[in-house]
Amino acid sequence: MPHALKNLYFAESTYMRKRFTILLFGLSLFSGLAAGQSNIGPGNPNLQPGAAPAAPVSVKIGPGDLISIWVFDVPELNQSVRVGADGKAEMSLIGSTAVAGLTPQQAAALVARELRDRHFLLKPQVNVMIDESAAQGVSVVGEVQHPGVYQVLGPRTLLDVISMAGGLTSVANTKVSVTRRNGRTESISANLKNDDPRSAVSNDVQVFPGDLVMVPRAGIVYVLGDVNRPGGFVMQDNGAITMLQALAQAGGTDRTASPNSALLMRKDAHGYVTQKVAITRIERGKEQDVELRPDDILFVPNSRFKNALRDTQSVATSIGSASIYAIVH
């Protein structure tokens, strides 16, 4: 055995004898504490009864990652190595080692086993960490300010990831979907209501490297014609909005409007289909309110033009000349 390795072997043996003495002392101290009150259970105010902590999901090492390896009490073996495209890393003493697809804990166990089996150390204690993740990022697409891939080294909350992407756009749906890519396929959704911080926090979920976050576009309904604030309105609350609610967001009808001659235009496979709605009768409870769908158009004519706007083509021409823009509340 080379002289340097003999020194390492002797140092490791001396260190393990000291650790055995400390371990015996720790066991005797633990036995005394076990007879007293435990810090885990109903007596601990920081742990809710019946609440089990969620099992953490470890990030896996990928090709191109930069990893750090520490061997306790043997600083000569501490190193930082880059994982190659083949998933292997060149390490001191043990050479090329396949670590891609392993968690840092699994890689640490592998390195420790190699050092022990090759008789370099008796009982090596190894720690592995990912310093730079080249292949594992969170993809954020859809209605965010800056879609893209964001590098994360560990689990982050959904709100954190959306914040990295600049936040939601004015037409984003608050029901966000997350597709898991960390070794499994699992699709979940979280409802992040803009007007309810408690609901947003309670629906927040953890996002891991390799996941895909999809923020869909919210539905928009249009209220045009003789109303106070004509325009397009984002469908909040999971896309549920009635005709009276949309009309309220448009500021209601003007004094010169003919609400009982309003037209609801709804798109189907062949184009827009128009039906007449009596807003006044709905407001008085004589008729049921209408649930709107994305891209529905509610047109409230002026009383002077109600007879001229009875056909779909006339309404479409009138709508085409109007400026439609989203109004965010």
Protein backbone atom coordinates (compact mmCIF):
# COMPACT_ATOMS: atom_id res chain seq x y z
CA MET A 1 0.00 0.00 0.00
CA PRO A 2 1.45 3.47 -0.86
CA HIS A 3 2.73 5.55 2.03
CA ALA A 4 0.02 8.28 1.66
CA LEU A 5 -2.80 5.73 1.71
CA LYS A 6 -1.30 4.05 4.81
CA ASN A 7 -1.48 7.40 6.58
CA LEU A 8 -5.08 7.81 5.56
CA TYR A 9 -5.92 4.31 6.74
CA PHE A 10 -4.22 4.87 10.12
CA ALA A 11 -5.95 8.22 10.60
CA GLU A 12 -9.30 6.65 9.78
CA SER A 13 -8.78 3.84 12.34
CA THR A 14 -7.84 6.29 15.11
CA TYR A 15 -10.82 8.46 14.26
CA MET A 16 -13.25 5.52 14.39
CA ARG A 17 -12.03 4.48 17.88
CA LYS A 18 -12.72 7.99 19.13
CA ARG A 19 -16.15 7.99 17.51
CA PHE A 20 -17.01 4.67 19.18
CA THR A 21 -16.27 6.16 22.62
CA ILE A 22 -18.40 9.23 21.84
CA LEU A 23 -21.19 6.97 20.56
CA LEU A 24 -21.32 5.01 23.82
CA PHE A 25 -21.60 8.24 25.79
CA GLY A 26 -24.37 9.47 23.46
CA LEU A 27 -26.34 6.24 23.86
CA SER A 28 -26.24 6.49 27.64
CA LEU A 29 -27.37 10.12 27.48
CA PHE A 30 -30.18 9.26 25.08
CA SER A 31 -31.41 6.48 27.39
CA GLY A 32 -31.81 9.03 30.18
CA LEU A 33 -33.70 11.43 27.94
CA ALA A 34 -36.01 8.68 26.68
CA ALA A 35 -37.35 8.18 30.20
CA GLY A 36 -38.50 11.82 30.31
CA GLN A 37 -41.03 13.68 28.16
CA SER A 38 -40.57 13.39 24.43
CA ASN A 39 -40.34 16.52 22.28
CA ILE A 40 -42.45 14.89 19.56
CA GLY A 41 -46.13 14.37 20.09
CA PRO A 42 -49.04 16.15 21.75
CA GLY A 43 -46.70 17.90 24.18
CA ASN A 44 -44.93 19.73 21.37
CA PRO A 45 -46.89 22.84 20.38
CA ASN A 46 -45.06 23.07 17.06
CA LEU A 47 -46.48 19.75 15.85
CA GLN A 48 -50.21 19.55 15.23
CA PRO A 49 -51.90 16.34 16.43
CA GLY A 50 -52.41 13.91 13.61
CA ALA A 51 -50.40 16.02 11.17
CA ALA A 52 -47.80 14.03 9.25
CA PRO A 53 -45.09 15.97 7.43
CA ALA A 54 -45.04 15.49 3.68
CA ALA A 55 -42.23 13.31 2.41
CA PRO A 56 -39.75 15.48 0.51
CA VAL A 57 -39.00 14.66 -3.11
CA SER A 58 -35.27 14.64 -3.84
CA VAL A 59 -33.84 16.22 -6.95
CA LYS A 60 -31.98 13.86 -9.25
CA ILE A 61 -28.55 14.50 -10.72
CA GLY A 62 -28.53 15.03 -14.47
CA PRO A 63 -25.93 15.30 -17.27
CA GLY A 64 -24.11 18.63 -17.16
CA ASP A 65 -24.74 19.19 -13.45
CA LEU A 66 -21.92 20.44 -11.25
CA ILE A 67 -21.77 18.44 -8.02
CA SER A 68 -19.68 18.83 -4.87
CA ILE A 69 -18.40 15.81 -2.94
CA TRP A 70 -17.29 16.04 0.69
CA VAL A 71 -15.65 13.21 2.59
CA PHE A 72 -15.80 13.84 6.33
CA ASP A 73 -12.41 14.35 7.99
CA VAL A 74 -10.58 13.64 4.71
CA PRO A 75 -10.32 17.05 2.98
CA GLU A 76 -7.94 15.60 0.37
CA LEU A 77 -10.92 13.84 -1.23
CA ASN A 78 -13.25 16.88 -1.33
CA GLN A 79 -13.92 17.84 -4.94
CA SER A 80 -16.28 19.50 -7.42
CA VAL A 81 -16.89 17.62 -10.65
CA ARG A 82 -19.06 18.12 -13.72
CA VAL A 83 -21.29 15.26 -14.83
CA GLY A 84 -20.61 14.37 -18.44
CA ALA A 85 -23.11 13.88 -21.23
CA ASP A 86 -22.87 10.13 -20.61
CA GLY A 87 -24.03 10.63 -17.02
CA LYS A 88 -20.63 9.83 -15.50
CA ALA A 89 -18.33 11.97 -13.34
CA GLU A 90 -14.55 11.62 -12.96
CA MET A 91 -13.78 11.38 -9.23
CA SER A 92 -10.52 11.13 -7.33
CA LEU A 93 -9.39 7.59 -6.53
CA ILE A 94 -12.53 5.87 -7.84
CA GLY A 95 -12.44 7.25 -11.39
CA SER A 96 -15.44 7.44 -13.74
CA THR A 97 -18.67 6.87 -11.84
CA ALA A 98 -22.25 6.89 -13.21
CA VAL A 99 -24.32 9.29 -11.08
CA ALA A 100 -26.94 10.63 -13.50
CA GLY A 101 -30.44 9.66 -12.41
CA LEU A 102 -29.39 9.31 -8.77
CA THR A 103 -30.40 11.59 -5.94
CA PRO A 104 -27.55 13.29 -4.05
CA GLN A 105 -28.14 10.87 -1.17
CA GLN A 106 -27.88 7.87 -3.50
CA ALA A 107 -24.74 9.28 -5.11
CA ALA A 108 -23.18 9.81 -1.68
CA ALA A 109 -23.90 6.19 -0.75
CA LEU A 110 -22.37 5.03 -4.04
CA VAL A 111 -19.15 7.02 -3.51
CA ALA A 112 -18.89 5.82 0.08
CA ARG A 113 -19.31 2.21 -1.04
CA GLU A 114 -16.62 2.58 -3.69
CA LEU A 115 -14.15 4.09 -1.20
CA ARG A 116 -14.85 1.31 1.26
CA ASP A 117 -14.81 -1.59 -1.22
CA ARG A 118 -11.52 -0.40 -2.68
CA HIS A 119 -10.01 -0.23 0.82
CA PHE A 120 -9.29 3.48 0.72
CA LEU A 121 -11.30 4.22 3.90
CA LEU A 122 -12.84 1.99 6.54
CA LYS A 123 -16.18 3.76 7.05
CA PRO A 124 -16.31 6.84 4.86
CA GLN A 125 -18.97 9.48 5.46
CA VAL A 126 -19.77 11.19 2.18
CA ASN A 127 -22.04 14.10 1.33
CA VAL A 128 -23.01 15.10 -2.23
CA MET A 129 -24.73 18.33 -3.26
CA ILE A 130 -25.79 19.81 -6.61
CA ASP A 131 -24.09 23.18 -7.09
CA GLU A 132 -25.37 23.89 -10.60
CA SER A 133 -28.26 22.19 -12.34
CA ALA A 134 -27.78 22.27 -16.10
CA ALA A 135 -30.57 19.95 -17.20
CA GLN A 136 -33.32 20.37 -14.64
CA GLY A 137 -35.39 23.50 -14.70
CA VAL A 138 -39.02 24.41 -14.21
CA SER A 139 -40.77 25.29 -17.47
CA VAL A 140 -43.35 28.06 -17.07
CA VAL A 141 -45.56 28.62 -20.11
CA GLY A 142 -48.81 30.37 -20.86
CA GLU A 143 -50.14 33.60 -19.45
CA VAL A 144 -47.12 34.83 -17.46
CA GLN A 145 -45.06 37.94 -18.09
CA HIS A 146 -41.85 36.08 -19.00
CA PRO A 147 -42.41 32.45 -20.08
CA GLY A 148 -39.32 30.27 -20.06
CA VAL A 149 -37.25 27.70 -18.19
CA TYR A 150 -36.13 28.68 -14.69
CA GLN A 151 -33.33 26.82 -12.96
CA VAL A 152 -34.07 25.64 -9.42
CA LEU A 153 -31.88 23.42 -7.26
CA GLY A 154 -34.67 22.08 -5.09
CA PRO A 155 -38.40 22.26 -4.47
CA ARG A 156 -40.01 25.69 -4.68
CA THR A 157 -43.58 26.78 -4.21
CA LEU A 158 -45.84 27.46 -7.18
CA LEU A 159 -46.14 31.11 -6.16
CA ASP A 160 -42.34 31.42 -6.14
CA VAL A 161 -42.03 29.98 -9.63
CA ILE A 162 -44.77 32.22 -11.03
CA SER A 163 -43.02 35.18 -9.39
CA MET A 164 -39.78 34.19 -11.17
CA ALA A 165 -41.71 34.40 -14.45
CA GLY A 166 -42.83 37.94 -13.66
CA GLY A 167 -46.30 37.08 -12.39
CA LEU A 168 -49.57 36.47 -14.18
CA THR A 169 -50.81 38.53 -17.10
CA SER A 170 -54.08 40.44 -16.95
CA VAL A 171 -55.88 37.69 -18.87
CA ALA A 172 -54.46 34.71 -16.99
CA ASN A 173 -56.69 32.02 -15.55
CA THR A 174 -56.12 31.61 -11.82
CA LYS A 175 -56.47 27.82 -12.17
CA VAL A 176 -52.89 26.74 -12.87
CA SER A 177 -51.85 23.20 -13.84
CA VAL A 178 -48.57 21.49 -12.95
CA THR A 179 -47.32 18.41 -14.81
CA ARG A 180 -44.76 16.42 -12.86
CA ARG A 181 -41.64 15.36 -14.75
CA ASN A 182 -39.53 14.08 -11.85
CA GLY A 183 -39.59 10.42 -12.78
CA ARG A 184 -43.37 10.22 -12.99
CA THR A 185 -46.35 11.70 -14.81
CA GLU A 186 -48.87 13.43 -12.60
CA SER A 187 -51.08 16.38 -13.45
CA ILE A 188 -52.39 18.61 -10.66
CA SER A 189 -54.12 21.97 -10.61
CA ALA A 190 -54.16 24.78 -8.09
CA ASN A 191 -56.64 27.63 -7.90
CA LEU A 192 -54.81 30.87 -7.15
CA LYS A 193 -57.57 33.46 -6.72
CA ASN A 194 -56.30 36.99 -7.17
CA ASP A 195 -58.79 38.48 -4.70
CA ASP A 196 -58.32 35.91 -1.93
CA PRO A 197 -54.75 35.68 -0.52
CA ARG A 198 -55.71 32.96 1.95
CA SER A 199 -57.09 30.79 -0.82
CA ALA A 200 -53.97 31.39 -2.92
CA VAL A 201 -51.67 30.32 -0.10
CA SER A 202 -53.76 27.27 0.81
CA ASN A 203 -53.77 26.13 -2.83
CA ASP A 204 -50.04 26.67 -3.24
CA VAL A 205 -48.14 23.49 -4.11
CA GLN A 206 -44.50 22.52 -4.36
CA VAL A 207 -42.85 22.54 -7.76
CA PHE A 208 -39.73 20.48 -8.48
CA PRO A 209 -37.02 20.63 -11.16
CA GLY A 210 -38.32 19.12 -14.38
CA ASP A 211 -41.94 20.11 -13.74
CA LEU A 212 -44.07 21.99 -16.26
CA VAL A 213 -46.24 24.87 -15.04
CA MET A 214 -49.04 25.83 -17.43
CA VAL A 215 -50.99 29.04 -16.90
CA PRO A 216 -53.96 29.00 -19.32
CA ARG A 217 -55.67 32.04 -20.71
CA ALA A 218 -58.86 33.00 -18.94
CA GLY A 219 -62.08 33.25 -20.89
CA ILE A 220 -63.21 36.72 -21.97
CA VAL A 221 -66.77 37.90 -22.49
CA TYR A 222 -67.67 41.11 -24.28
CA VAL A 223 -70.32 43.62 -23.32
CA LEU A 224 -70.86 46.20 -26.03
CA GLY A 225 -73.36 48.75 -27.12
CA ASP A 226 -75.17 51.32 -24.99
CA VAL A 227 -73.41 50.53 -21.69
CA ASN A 228 -71.22 52.74 -19.50
CA ARG A 229 -67.93 50.82 -19.94
CA PRO A 230 -68.05 48.64 -23.08
CA GLY A 231 -65.22 46.17 -23.55
CA GLY A 232 -63.91 42.70 -22.78
CA PHE A 233 -64.00 41.26 -19.27
CA VAL A 234 -61.90 38.42 -17.86
CA MET A 235 -63.89 35.51 -16.48
CA GLN A 236 -62.67 35.02 -12.92
CA ASP A 237 -63.72 32.47 -10.27
CA ASN A 238 -62.93 29.44 -12.45
CA GLY A 239 -64.59 30.96 -15.48
CA ALA A 240 -68.08 31.30 -14.00
CA ILE A 241 -69.87 34.54 -14.83
CA THR A 242 -73.50 35.35 -15.56
CA MET A 243 -74.91 37.93 -17.91
CA LEU A 244 -75.93 40.28 -15.09
CA GLN A 245 -72.47 40.01 -13.51
CA ALA A 246 -70.81 40.91 -16.81
CA LEU A 247 -73.25 43.76 -17.29
CA ALA A 248 -72.41 45.05 -13.80
CA GLN A 249 -68.69 45.05 -14.68
CA ALA A 250 -69.59 47.12 -17.74
CA GLY A 251 -71.18 49.71 -15.46
CA GLY A 252 -74.76 48.81 -16.39
CA THR A 253 -76.87 50.08 -19.26
CA ASP A 254 -77.12 53.73 -20.22
CA ARG A 255 -80.35 55.71 -19.94
CA THR A 256 -80.82 55.62 -23.71
CA ALA A 257 -80.41 51.83 -23.92
CA SER A 258 -83.07 49.31 -24.81
CA PRO A 259 -82.19 46.45 -22.39
CA ASN A 260 -85.13 44.25 -23.41
CA SER A 261 -83.86 44.25 -27.00
CA ALA A 262 -80.34 43.04 -26.08
CA LEU A 263 -78.72 40.33 -28.14
CA LEU A 264 -76.50 37.50 -26.92
CA MET A 265 -74.12 36.19 -29.57
CA ARG A 266 -72.53 32.78 -28.97
CA LYS A 267 -70.00 31.09 -31.24
CA ASP A 268 -70.53 27.54 -32.46
CA ALA A 269 -68.95 25.41 -35.17
CA HIS A 270 -70.59 27.45 -37.93
CA GLY A 271 -70.11 30.94 -36.51
CA TYR A 272 -72.07 33.17 -34.17
CA VAL A 273 -75.65 32.36 -33.22
CA THR A 274 -77.77 35.22 -31.92
CA GLN A 275 -80.61 35.13 -29.41
CA LYS A 276 -82.62 37.93 -27.92
CA VAL A 277 -82.49 38.43 -24.14
CA ALA A 278 -84.69 40.63 -21.97
CA ILE A 279 -82.31 42.14 -19.42
CA THR A 280 -85.01 44.00 -17.50
CA ARG A 281 -87.07 40.83 -16.97
CA ILE A 282 -83.95 39.00 -15.74
CA GLU A 283 -83.13 41.85 -13.34
CA ARG A 284 -86.64 41.64 -11.89
CA GLY A 285 -86.37 37.87 -11.45
CA LYS A 286 -89.01 37.07 -14.04
CA GLU A 287 -86.49 35.15 -16.16
CA GLN A 288 -83.41 33.16 -15.20
CA ASP A 289 -80.00 34.74 -15.51
CA VAL A 290 -77.85 33.40 -18.36
CA GLU A 291 -74.48 31.71 -17.72
CA LEU A 292 -71.96 33.15 -20.16
CA ARG A 293 -69.26 31.22 -21.98
CA PRO A 294 -65.86 32.40 -23.23
CA ASP A 295 -66.08 34.71 -26.26
CA ASP A 296 -69.80 35.40 -25.71
CA ILE A 297 -70.91 38.86 -26.82
CA LEU A 298 -73.72 40.75 -25.13
CA PHE A 299 -74.89 43.67 -27.24
CA VAL A 300 -77.22 46.27 -25.75
CA PRO A 301 -78.65 48.52 -28.50
CA ASN A 302 -79.65 52.12 -28.20
CA SER A 303 -83.40 52.58 -28.16
CA ARG A 304 -83.19 54.59 -31.38
CA PHE A 305 -81.44 51.75 -33.25
CA LYS A 306 -83.09 48.66 -31.78
CA ASN A 307 -85.15 48.08 -34.90
CA ALA A 308 -82.09 48.39 -37.15
CA LEU A 309 -80.03 45.82 -35.24
CA ARG A 310 -82.26 42.77 -35.32
CA ASP A 311 -80.17 40.58 -37.61
CA THR A 312 -76.80 39.03 -36.84
CA GLN A 313 -74.97 40.72 -39.70
CA SER A 314 -75.92 44.19 -38.50
CA VAL A 315 -74.79 43.41 -34.97
CA ALA A 316 -71.50 41.95 -36.20
CA THR A 317 -70.85 45.07 -38.29
CA SER A 318 -71.53 47.27 -35.27
CA ILE A 319 -69.24 45.18 -33.05
CA GLY A 320 -66.47 45.22 -35.66
CA SER A 321 -66.32 49.00 -35.52
CA ALA A 322 -65.94 49.02 -31.73
CA SER A 323 -62.63 48.90 -29.86
CA ILE A 324 -62.52 45.76 -27.74
CA TYR A 325 -60.03 45.71 -24.91
CA ALA A 326 -59.69 43.85 -21.61
CA ILE A 327 -60.75 45.62 -18.45
CA VAL A 328 -59.01 44.15 -15.42
CA HIS A 329 -60.54 44.40 -11.96
